[in-house]
Amino acid sequence: MSSDRLLTAYDYTLPEGLIAQAPCVPRDQSRLLVVQDTVQHCHTIVQTLPDWLRSGDLLVLNNTRVIPARLHGHKTSGMPVEVLLLESQAVDPSKGTVHGTSDRWLALVKPGRRLKPGATIVFGGQEPADQQQEAGSLSATVLSIDAATGGRLLQFNVPPETTLDEWIERLGQVPLPPYITESEAQPEQYQTVYADRPGAIAAPTAGLHFTPALLERLQAHGIKQAFVTLHVGVGTFRPVEAAAITDHTMHAEWVDVPPETVAKIQETKASGGRIIAVGTTVVRSLEAAAQSGTIQTFCGKTNLFIYPGYKWRVVDGLMTNFHLPKSSLLMLVSALIGRQRLLDLYQVAIAEQYRFYSFGDAMLILPEAGVGSRE
């Protein structure tokens, strides 16, 4: 079996001190490792991004917004419960499309073993459940256990004249990844400046480096912008555990690639411009929308898993953060520039004291650096 197919081939050692615990301020002062071609790279900052792209290129960004998905409650017995919302179940089974808000969610719960189907969770204070519900508090009933995630399907019981979204905004907390342990970052610092489609449980972190001023400068340089939506869920950060990565199955995430974005991509390609994805979620969105061979409007779920050997259809270049060892994100980037090249660049970044993961620095892979095959 090729080493590119082995999970152990995507491992590296990161000094704990390089895990960023807070975002860079201003955002566009983060460091940027530019991969210029198949052999060259250089070091700069995100603010210089317009200098590395061409007039006529199209930058595609993910406009999902992180919801305050972590809720604290308790069982009727008084036992504390933590809930992490994963995915709204507002889906039309016949079309696979989201058709509105839903009071039914897939969620991870702690302690999971104590929350079997039929259990009730009450959110808010510590009063007895029956008193809270009479007073108009939020509660949820465990409907079933989801085998794929180990989570629970929850049916929220929302008091009259209110919505679940209102309760989530009132009671929830924006969840930071578990490796961010000492952060004092404000919730808005874990949102992109263009986030306007609520539904994610984690930020599309490559986009955290952009400021309104940087976006304006890009436009002034003739670099166009378009948006997709991928609500980042468990599929993005769930660890790959299979020894042979081809045995890994991605958890499906909801994607929307709208007609106006498809049109901009087609126009850009026709005029000789390049498609630059901001983040791995944009890569998955665009490539999922082109599985027929050409980019098309797409609204539904995708479990597309990209690893070396993948035939690229849409994306030419990529701006991305530095990812966890053995992650599907590391495999996706390896598919673009080669696994060994990527791991060598990570060693360069470590030696240069780049900051890693969600609040960390970024890498820009220019189209000239790509080695992945194309259809």
Foldseek 3Di string as FASTA:
>chain_A
DDPLQFLVLQDDDFDLVQADQEFDVVLQQFKAWEDLFQPDIDIDTNLCVLVNFAQLAEEEEAQEWAFLQWFWWAWLVQHIKIKGFFFFPQADVVAQFRDDGAQKTWIAMPPLVVQAAFTKTWGDDRDRPVVCVVVFGKMWGFHHADPVPRTTIIRIDHGPPDDVSVVRNVGGHQDDDPSNDDHPYDSCLQHAPNHDHYTASHYLQLRSSDDPVSVVVSVVNNHHYHYKHWRHGCQQFPFQDDRRSVPDWGDKTWIWDAPVNLVSQVVSVVVPYAYEYRGPSSVQRQQVCCVVQGHDTDTHIDRDQAAAPDADRGHQKYKYFADHGSGSRLRNVCNFQHNVVVVVVVVVCSVVSWRGDRSTHMYIYGNNRGDHHHD
